[in-house]
Amino acid sequence: MGIMDIFAQLEQNRPSGGKPQYLIAGLGNPGMVYENTRHNAGFMALDALAEAEHAQISRMRFKGYTGEVTLDGIRCLLLKPGTYMNNSGEAVVQAMQFYKFDMEHLIVVFDDISLPPGKLRIRRKGSAGGHNGIKSIIELTGSEAFARIKLGVGAKPHKEMPLADWVLSKFKPEEQKLMAQSCADAAACLRLMVNGRTDEAMNRYNA
């Protein structure tokens, strides 16, 4: 890719005027101690998307860190809540209220222990399924009607292990490679979903 191609790509991905059309929230826990842990799969996916789009998620707003990307002409606000997982809804609701997003324009990316690393699943709506971050969003928005991308992080190795210990454990090197692929797949899903092609994303990427 030549230098002019790089400038052209940067210009194409530059957010346009006006407000974002979608809120994409990736869930996780802030702080270096939580980096590359299973519970931070949502953060990892947003970071991968931002890197691919030559953007940064660094502006402190809405009790978290935000950035903007334009995906095939659709302007999107990226949000990584800084409230810790159990209070993710506080950051999401602040952003939704500020920009007057409706539930149809919210997409949440988060970890799922029922899927192996490298796999993902898209859902248009649903219950919290035991995930505290999703539970917080549902409680504070009063709705389950938002799209989500679940990133597999693997099941507990044995029943006796506390769930908190498992989701706060770090990925093994071989799992990190699988997660890099699922994060890239999640970015591809998001491009389709914000352009009204959720069925196509589900058909192509759902585990």
C-alpha atoms as a PDB file:
ATOM      1  CA  MET A   1       0.000   0.000   0.000  1.00  0.00           C
ATOM      2  CA  GLY A   2       1.418   3.355  -1.071  1.00  0.00           C
ATOM      3  CA  ILE A   3       1.381   6.535   0.991  1.00  0.00           C
ATOM      4  CA  MET A   4      -1.518   7.995  -1.024  1.00  0.00           C
ATOM      5  CA  ASP A   5      -3.534   4.831  -0.432  1.00  0.00           C
ATOM      6  CA  ILE A   6      -2.932   5.160   3.301  1.00  0.00           C
ATOM      7  CA  PHE A   7      -4.101   8.801   3.289  1.00  0.00           C
ATOM      8  CA  ALA A   8      -7.176   7.831   1.282  1.00  0.00           C
ATOM      9  CA  GLN A   9      -8.046   5.094   3.761  1.00  0.00           C
ATOM     10  CA  LEU A  10      -7.609   7.424   6.723  1.00  0.00           C
ATOM     11  CA  GLU A  11      -9.887   9.985   5.086  1.00  0.00           C
ATOM     12  CA  GLN A  12     -12.514   7.335   4.348  1.00  0.00           C
ATOM     13  CA  ASN A  13     -12.552   6.244   7.987  1.00  0.00           C
ATOM     14  CA  ARG A  14     -12.605   9.769   9.420  1.00  0.00           C
ATOM     15  CA  PRO A  15     -15.847  10.375  11.357  1.00  0.00           C
ATOM     16  CA  SER A  16     -18.200  12.698   9.525  1.00  0.00           C
ATOM     17  CA  GLY A  17     -20.150  15.558  11.066  1.00  0.00           C
ATOM     18  CA  GLY A  18     -23.227  15.049  13.198  1.00  0.00           C
ATOM     19  CA  LYS A  19     -23.877  12.479  15.886  1.00  0.00           C
ATOM     20  CA  PRO A  20     -22.924   8.788  15.744  1.00  0.00           C
ATOM     21  CA  GLN A  21     -25.588   6.429  14.459  1.00  0.00           C
ATOM     22  CA  TYR A  22     -24.586   3.407  16.558  1.00  0.00           C
ATOM     23  CA  LEU A  23     -23.173   2.772  20.015  1.00  0.00           C
ATOM     24  CA  ILE A  24     -20.831  -0.236  20.123  1.00  0.00           C
ATOM     25  CA  ALA A  25     -19.905  -1.160  23.693  1.00  0.00           C
ATOM     26  CA  GLY A  26     -17.199  -3.685  24.481  1.00  0.00           C
ATOM     27  CA  LEU A  27     -17.306  -4.958  28.059  1.00  0.00           C
ATOM     28  CA  GLY A  28     -14.388  -5.582  30.391  1.00  0.00           C
ATOM     29  CA  ASN A  29     -12.526  -4.320  33.441  1.00  0.00           C
ATOM     30  CA  PRO A  30     -10.150  -1.323  33.279  1.00  0.00           C
ATOM     31  CA  GLY A  31      -6.555  -1.514  34.415  1.00  0.00           C
ATOM     32  CA  MET A  32      -3.412  -3.370  33.392  1.00  0.00           C
ATOM     33  CA  VAL A  33      -4.032  -6.182  35.871  1.00  0.00           C
ATOM     34  CA  TYR A  34      -7.059  -7.240  33.802  1.00  0.00           C
ATOM     35  CA  GLU A  35      -5.435  -7.068  30.352  1.00  0.00           C
ATOM     36  CA  ASN A  36      -5.736 -10.271  28.300  1.00  0.00           C
ATOM     37  CA  THR A  37      -8.141 -11.841  30.802  1.00  0.00           C
ATOM     38  CA  ARG A  38     -11.195 -13.740  29.620  1.00  0.00           C
ATOM     39  CA  HIS A  39     -13.617 -11.189  31.022  1.00  0.00           C
ATOM     40  CA  ASN A  40     -11.974  -8.521  28.837  1.00  0.00           C
ATOM     41  CA  ALA A  41     -12.849 -10.116  25.503  1.00  0.00           C
ATOM     42  CA  GLY A  42     -15.146  -7.195  24.715  1.00  0.00           C
ATOM     43  CA  PHE A  43     -12.337  -4.701  25.274  1.00  0.00           C
ATOM     44  CA  MET A  44     -10.074  -6.812  23.074  1.00  0.00           C
ATOM     45  CA  ALA A  45     -12.582  -6.840  20.224  1.00  0.00           C
ATOM     46  CA  LEU A  46     -13.038  -3.058  20.308  1.00  0.00           C
ATOM     47  CA  ASP A  47      -9.288  -2.501  20.421  1.00  0.00           C
ATOM     48  CA  ALA A  48      -8.876  -4.745  17.372  1.00  0.00           C
ATOM     49  CA  LEU A  49     -11.604  -2.859  15.497  1.00  0.00           C
ATOM     50  CA  ALA A  50     -10.105   0.522  16.383  1.00  0.00           C
ATOM     51  CA  GLU A  51      -6.646  -0.592  15.262  1.00  0.00           C
ATOM     52  CA  ALA A  52      -8.015  -1.868  11.954  1.00  0.00           C
ATOM     53  CA  GLU A  53      -9.779   1.456  11.388  1.00  0.00           C
ATOM     54  CA  HIS A  54      -6.786   3.599  12.455  1.00  0.00           C
ATOM     55  CA  ALA A  55      -8.730   4.973  15.432  1.00  0.00           C
ATOM     56  CA  GLN A  56      -8.108   5.261  19.165  1.00  0.00           C
ATOM     57  CA  ILE A  57     -10.361   4.597  22.140  1.00  0.00           C
ATOM     58  CA  SER A  58      -8.815   7.133  24.463  1.00  0.00           C
ATOM     59  CA  ARG A  59     -11.242   9.979  25.168  1.00  0.00           C
ATOM     60  CA  MET A  60     -12.645   9.806  28.712  1.00  0.00           C
ATOM     61  CA  ARG A  61     -16.427  10.238  28.507  1.00  0.00           C
ATOM     62  CA  PHE A  62     -19.537   8.535  29.845  1.00  0.00           C
ATOM     63  CA  LYS A  63     -17.687   6.831  32.714  1.00  0.00           C
ATOM     64  CA  GLY A  64     -15.401   5.109  30.233  1.00  0.00           C
ATOM     65  CA  TYR A  65     -13.145   5.486  27.220  1.00  0.00           C
ATOM     66  CA  THR A  66     -14.544   6.340  23.810  1.00  0.00           C
ATOM     67  CA  GLY A  67     -13.492   6.600  20.211  1.00  0.00           C
ATOM     68  CA  GLU A  68     -15.196   6.896  16.838  1.00  0.00           C
ATOM     69  CA  VAL A  69     -15.020   4.936  13.609  1.00  0.00           C
ATOM     70  CA  THR A  70     -16.957   5.010  10.363  1.00  0.00           C
ATOM     71  CA  LEU A  71     -17.858   1.548   9.125  1.00  0.00           C
ATOM     72  CA  ASP A  72     -18.895   1.579   5.463  1.00  0.00           C
ATOM     73  CA  GLY A  73     -20.332   5.064   5.869  1.00  0.00           C
ATOM     74  CA  ILE A  74     -21.972   4.484   9.266  1.00  0.00           C
ATOM     75  CA  ARG A  75     -20.553   6.582  12.089  1.00  0.00           C
ATOM     76  CA  CYS A  76     -20.161   4.597  15.318  1.00  0.00           C
ATOM     77  CA  LEU A  77     -19.238   5.499  18.883  1.00  0.00           C
ATOM     78  CA  LEU A  78     -16.988   2.905  20.534  1.00  0.00           C
ATOM     79  CA  LEU A  79     -17.268   2.640  24.320  1.00  0.00           C
ATOM     80  CA  LYS A  80     -15.176   0.721  26.843  1.00  0.00           C
ATOM     81  CA  PRO A  81     -16.880   1.235  30.232  1.00  0.00           C
ATOM     82  CA  GLY A  82     -14.503   2.162  33.039  1.00  0.00           C
ATOM     83  CA  THR A  83     -16.996   1.209  35.737  1.00  0.00           C
ATOM     84  CA  TYR A  84     -15.825  -2.408  36.087  1.00  0.00           C
ATOM     85  CA  MET A  85     -17.925  -5.180  34.653  1.00  0.00           C
ATOM     86  CA  ASN A  86     -20.765  -5.314  37.174  1.00  0.00           C
ATOM     87  CA  ASN A  87     -21.674  -1.651  36.556  1.00  0.00           C
ATOM     88  CA  SER A  88     -21.259  -1.572  32.779  1.00  0.00           C
ATOM     89  CA  GLY A  89     -24.786  -0.254  32.350  1.00  0.00           C
ATOM     90  CA  GLU A  90     -23.886   3.061  33.983  1.00  0.00           C
ATOM     91  CA  ALA A  91     -21.527   3.976  31.138  1.00  0.00           C
ATOM     92  CA  VAL A  92     -23.789   2.588  28.420  1.00  0.00           C
ATOM     93  CA  VAL A  93     -26.845   4.492  29.649  1.00  0.00           C
ATOM     94  CA  GLN A  94     -24.935   7.779  29.890  1.00  0.00           C
ATOM     95  CA  ALA A  95     -23.824   7.495  26.265  1.00  0.00           C
ATOM     96  CA  MET A  96     -27.289   6.448  25.118  1.00  0.00           C
ATOM     97  CA  GLN A  97     -28.970   9.345  26.893  1.00  0.00           C
ATOM     98  CA  PHE A  98     -26.465  11.906  25.620  1.00  0.00           C
ATOM     99  CA  TYR A  99     -26.848  10.883  21.967  1.00  0.00           C
ATOM    100  CA  LYS A 100     -30.479   9.720  22.295  1.00  0.00           C
ATOM    101  CA  PHE A 101     -29.680   6.259  20.939  1.00  0.00           C
ATOM    102  CA  ASP A 102     -32.575   3.813  20.860  1.00  0.00           C
ATOM    103  CA  MET A 103     -32.083   0.148  21.716  1.00  0.00           C
ATOM    104  CA  GLU A 104     -31.941  -0.824  18.038  1.00  0.00           C
ATOM    105  CA  HIS A 105     -28.724   1.167  17.699  1.00  0.00           C
ATOM    106  CA  LEU A 106     -26.858  -0.462  20.575  1.00  0.00           C
ATOM    107  CA  ILE A 107     -24.507  -3.428  20.034  1.00  0.00           C
ATOM    108  CA  VAL A 108     -22.669  -4.992  22.979  1.00  0.00           C
ATOM    109  CA  VAL A 109     -19.603  -7.243  22.657  1.00  0.00           C
ATOM    110  CA  PHE A 110     -18.702  -9.461  25.612  1.00  0.00           C
ATOM    111  CA  ASP A 111     -17.265 -12.782  26.788  1.00  0.00           C
ATOM    112  CA  ASP A 112     -19.155 -16.090  26.868  1.00  0.00           C
ATOM    113  CA  ILE A 113     -17.915 -19.149  28.767  1.00  0.00           C
ATOM    114  CA  SER A 114     -20.289 -21.457  26.893  1.00  0.00           C
ATOM    115  CA  LEU A 115     -18.286 -21.044  23.664  1.00  0.00           C
ATOM    116  CA  PRO A 116     -14.664 -22.086  23.070  1.00  0.00           C
ATOM    117  CA  PRO A 117     -12.025 -19.461  22.247  1.00  0.00           C
ATOM    118  CA  GLY A 118     -12.134 -18.515  18.587  1.00  0.00           C
ATOM    119  CA  LYS A 119     -15.914 -18.894  18.266  1.00  0.00           C
ATOM    120  CA  LEU A 120     -18.595 -16.228  18.455  1.00  0.00           C
ATOM    121  CA  ARG A 121     -22.359 -15.956  18.431  1.00  0.00           C
ATOM    122  CA  ILE A 122     -24.603 -13.054  17.439  1.00  0.00           C
ATOM    123  CA  ARG A 123     -27.989 -12.487  19.041  1.00  0.00           C
ATOM    124  CA  ARG A 124     -30.553  -9.765  18.331  1.00  0.00           C
ATOM    125  CA  LYS A 125     -31.743  -9.726  21.952  1.00  0.00           C
ATOM    126  CA  GLY A 126     -31.934 -11.951  25.009  1.00  0.00           C
ATOM    127  CA  SER A 127     -31.549 -12.304  28.749  1.00  0.00           C
ATOM    128  CA  ALA A 128     -28.361 -11.690  30.718  1.00  0.00           C
ATOM    129  CA  GLY A 129     -27.628 -15.402  30.842  1.00  0.00           C
ATOM    130  CA  GLY A 130     -25.720 -14.984  34.078  1.00  0.00           C
ATOM    131  CA  HIS A 131     -23.392 -12.294  32.704  1.00  0.00           C
ATOM    132  CA  ASN A 132     -23.179  -9.423  35.197  1.00  0.00           C
ATOM    133  CA  GLY A 133     -22.229  -6.796  32.619  1.00  0.00           C
ATOM    134  CA  ILE A 134     -25.260  -7.598  30.471  1.00  0.00           C
ATOM    135  CA  LYS A 135     -27.418  -7.766  33.602  1.00  0.00           C
ATOM    136  CA  SER A 136     -26.372  -4.223  34.491  1.00  0.00           C
ATOM    137  CA  ILE A 137     -27.216  -2.938  31.005  1.00  0.00           C
ATOM    138  CA  ILE A 138     -30.631  -4.621  31.047  1.00  0.00           C
ATOM    139  CA  GLU A 139     -31.445  -3.289  34.518  1.00  0.00           C
ATOM    140  CA  LEU A 140     -30.492   0.317  33.722  1.00  0.00           C
ATOM    141  CA  THR A 141     -31.978   0.473  30.211  1.00  0.00           C
ATOM    142  CA  GLY A 142     -35.045  -1.545  31.148  1.00  0.00           C
ATOM    143  CA  SER A 143     -34.750  -3.595  27.982  1.00  0.00           C
ATOM    144  CA  GLU A 144     -33.278  -6.839  26.653  1.00  0.00           C
ATOM    145  CA  ALA A 145     -33.850  -5.731  23.057  1.00  0.00           C
ATOM    146  CA  PHE A 146     -30.301  -4.928  22.000  1.00  0.00           C
ATOM    147  CA  ALA A 147     -27.959  -6.823  19.716  1.00  0.00           C
ATOM    148  CA  ARG A 148     -24.917  -8.531  21.112  1.00  0.00           C
ATOM    149  CA  ILE A 149     -21.843 -10.428  19.971  1.00  0.00           C
ATOM    150  CA  LYS A 150     -20.690 -13.119  22.375  1.00  0.00           C
ATOM    151  CA  LEU A 151     -17.016 -14.059  22.157  1.00  0.00           C
ATOM    152  CA  GLY A 152     -16.139 -17.538  23.361  1.00  0.00           C
ATOM    153  CA  VAL A 153     -13.551 -17.670  26.150  1.00  0.00           C
ATOM    154  CA  GLY A 154     -13.890 -21.317  27.142  1.00  0.00           C
ATOM    155  CA  ALA A 155     -15.585 -23.166  29.991  1.00  0.00           C
ATOM    156  CA  LYS A 156     -14.167 -23.641  33.472  1.00  0.00           C
ATOM    157  CA  PRO A 157     -11.618 -26.502  33.525  1.00  0.00           C
ATOM    158  CA  HIS A 158     -13.413 -28.083  36.496  1.00  0.00           C
ATOM    159  CA  LYS A 159     -16.699 -27.489  38.349  1.00  0.00           C
ATOM    160  CA  GLU A 160     -15.063 -26.627  41.659  1.00  0.00           C
ATOM    161  CA  MET A 161     -13.234 -23.623  40.263  1.00  0.00           C
ATOM    162  CA  PRO A 162     -14.951 -20.309  41.188  1.00  0.00           C
ATOM    163  CA  LEU A 163     -16.328 -18.587  38.100  1.00  0.00           C
ATOM    164  CA  ALA A 164     -14.672 -15.286  39.051  1.00  0.00           C
ATOM    165  CA  ASP A 165     -11.262 -16.963  39.142  1.00  0.00           C
ATOM    166  CA  TRP A 166     -11.834 -18.392  35.665  1.00  0.00           C
ATOM    167  CA  VAL A 167     -13.056 -15.265  33.884  1.00  0.00           C
ATOM    168  CA  LEU A 168     -10.285 -13.190  35.477  1.00  0.00           C
ATOM    169  CA  SER A 169      -7.603 -15.653  34.338  1.00  0.00           C
ATOM    170  CA  LYS A 170      -5.416 -14.821  31.363  1.00  0.00           C
ATOM    171  CA  PHE A 171      -5.554 -16.547  28.006  1.00  0.00           C
ATOM    172  CA  LYS A 172      -2.929 -19.140  27.212  1.00  0.00           C
ATOM    173  CA  PRO A 173      -0.657 -18.344  24.234  1.00  0.00           C
ATOM    174  CA  GLU A 174      -2.497 -20.770  21.957  1.00  0.00           C
ATOM    175  CA  GLU A 175      -5.827 -19.256  23.025  1.00  0.00           C
ATOM    176  CA  GLN A 176      -4.589 -15.746  22.276  1.00  0.00           C
ATOM    177  CA  LYS A 177      -4.204 -16.686  18.615  1.00  0.00           C
ATOM    178  CA  LEU A 178      -7.771 -17.958  18.531  1.00  0.00           C
ATOM    179  CA  MET A 179      -9.022 -14.816  20.233  1.00  0.00           C
ATOM    180  CA  ALA A 180      -7.235 -12.630  17.702  1.00  0.00           C
ATOM    181  CA  GLN A 181      -9.192 -14.386  14.964  1.00  0.00           C
ATOM    182  CA  SER A 182     -12.521 -14.089  16.785  1.00  0.00           C
ATOM    183  CA  CYS A 183     -11.864 -10.377  17.395  1.00  0.00           C
ATOM    184  CA  ALA A 184     -11.249  -9.926  13.662  1.00  0.00           C
ATOM    185  CA  ASP A 185     -14.458 -11.841  12.950  1.00  0.00           C
ATOM    186  CA  ALA A 186     -16.327  -9.634  15.424  1.00  0.00           C
ATOM    187  CA  ALA A 187     -15.116  -6.545  13.565  1.00  0.00           C
ATOM    188  CA  ALA A 188     -16.418  -8.025  10.313  1.00  0.00           C
ATOM    189  CA  CYS A 189     -19.747  -8.759  12.007  1.00  0.00           C
ATOM    190  CA  LEU A 190     -20.030  -5.189  13.256  1.00  0.00           C
ATOM    191  CA  ARG A 191     -19.508  -3.799   9.757  1.00  0.00           C
ATOM    192  CA  LEU A 192     -22.409  -5.921   8.552  1.00  0.00           C
ATOM    193  CA  MET A 193     -24.665  -5.283  11.542  1.00  0.00           C
ATOM    194  CA  VAL A 194     -24.506  -1.479  11.461  1.00  0.00           C
ATOM    195  CA  ASN A 195     -25.460  -1.655   7.795  1.00  0.00           C
ATOM    196  CA  GLY A 196     -28.602  -3.685   8.481  1.00  0.00           C
ATOM    197  CA  ARG A 197     -27.089  -7.032   7.518  1.00  0.00           C
ATOM    198  CA  THR A 198     -27.336  -8.859  10.840  1.00  0.00           C
ATOM    199  CA  ASP A 199     -28.821 -11.986   9.257  1.00  0.00           C
ATOM    200  CA  GLU A 200     -25.831 -12.201   6.936  1.00  0.00           C
ATOM    201  CA  ALA A 201     -23.444 -11.790   9.867  1.00  0.00           C
ATOM    202  CA  MET A 202     -25.232 -14.552  11.778  1.00  0.00           C
ATOM    203  CA  ASN A 203     -25.163 -16.907   8.807  1.00  0.00           C
ATOM    204  CA  ARG A 204     -21.481 -16.320   8.162  1.00  0.00           C
ATOM    205  CA  TYR A 205     -20.028 -16.202  11.654  1.00  0.00           C
ATOM    206  CA  ASN A 206     -22.332 -17.787  14.236  1.00  0.00           C
ATOM    207  CA  ALA A 207     -20.838 -20.846  15.941  1.00  0.00           C
END
